Amino acid sequence: MSDTRTGQRYAFIDLLKVILTVGIVFRHAELVGLEGRSEAFDGLTRGMMFITSACVPLFYILSGFLYFRNVPQKADANFFWKKTRSRLFSLVIPYLIANTVAFVCYWAAHRFAPGMVSGFLGDDWKNPLFVFWTGPVNQSLWFIRDLIKAVIVAPLIYLLVRYTRIWGVLALGAVWIFVGGNPWYNIWFTIGAWAAVCQGENTGRLLGKIHCRVWPDAAAWCFFMYLYHYIPIISFKKIFEVVFRPESFLALTGTYLACALLVLALLSGIYLLLKAIAPRLTGVLVGGKL
């Protein structure tokens, strides 16, 4: 059984990514502003928000683990330079493209159908810095933005977990809990780094014992879904609110499920179509995960 340093791909990680991606879509399908029309639906919404609140921390843990899983016993500057260059293609370029697409969508909506984006971003989307960094205009991509920041400080995280091991992770967690550590995501990314750097063989054996099946390009599908789901969800929620004006528990629940499921179906179809007619472009869009 090879350990995590071999670069082995674990089907369980891809399956977990699929589950977490679906969870994120359902989280963003929340019918903001329609709560209060049904107490039962409010309870359902709170339950879904509680369950899906684990999605982003788990994504950060997976990201930290996957970044460091093939780290040598003594990582040098060359290792981190190669990692940083690879993340330029796998994170930065897809991030910029997705934000450009979102910017075009917002521009077109403000020009031709302003009601579709009323209540979202105000005029901040016009600020170039907001569009690509402080925002971003595709609001769900704050995760990718902060992951890029985590990659930048990855050498420091490596030194922390290598020389302080679990104690450094616990100390960072204590700072986050009691002091309000900033940025908060570093604790989750660091947990993943610790699992790879300090527990690589144990983690590899554990993952190797979990047998499951997932389609070969599941990771690419997940990344595409994460990058492009937010704008369609906003649009569907606006349309359904205006057309159906749901108030009862059944109507609200149906609207909520329809928003999430339609986005999953729509983007899956677009992804499959792009992969069939323009595989190289699709590969760029998903950062080489295809």
Foldseek 3Di string as FASTA:
>chain_A
DDWLQVVDDFQVLLVLLLVLLLLVLLLLLPLPPQPPLEPVLVVVNVVSNVVNVVSLLVVLLQLLQSLQQNADLDHDPVSLVVSLVLCCQQQVLLLVVLLVVLLVVCVVCVVPPVLLQPPQPPCVCVDVCCCRAPANSLNLCVSSNVVNVCSVCVVVLLVQCSVVNVNSLVVLVCCCVPVNDPPNSNSSSSNSNSCRNVVGRVVRVVSVVDDDDDDQLSLLLSQQLSSHLNSQSSNLSSVCCVPPVDRYSVSSVVSSVCSSVVSSVVSVVVLVVCCVPPVVVSCSNNSNSD
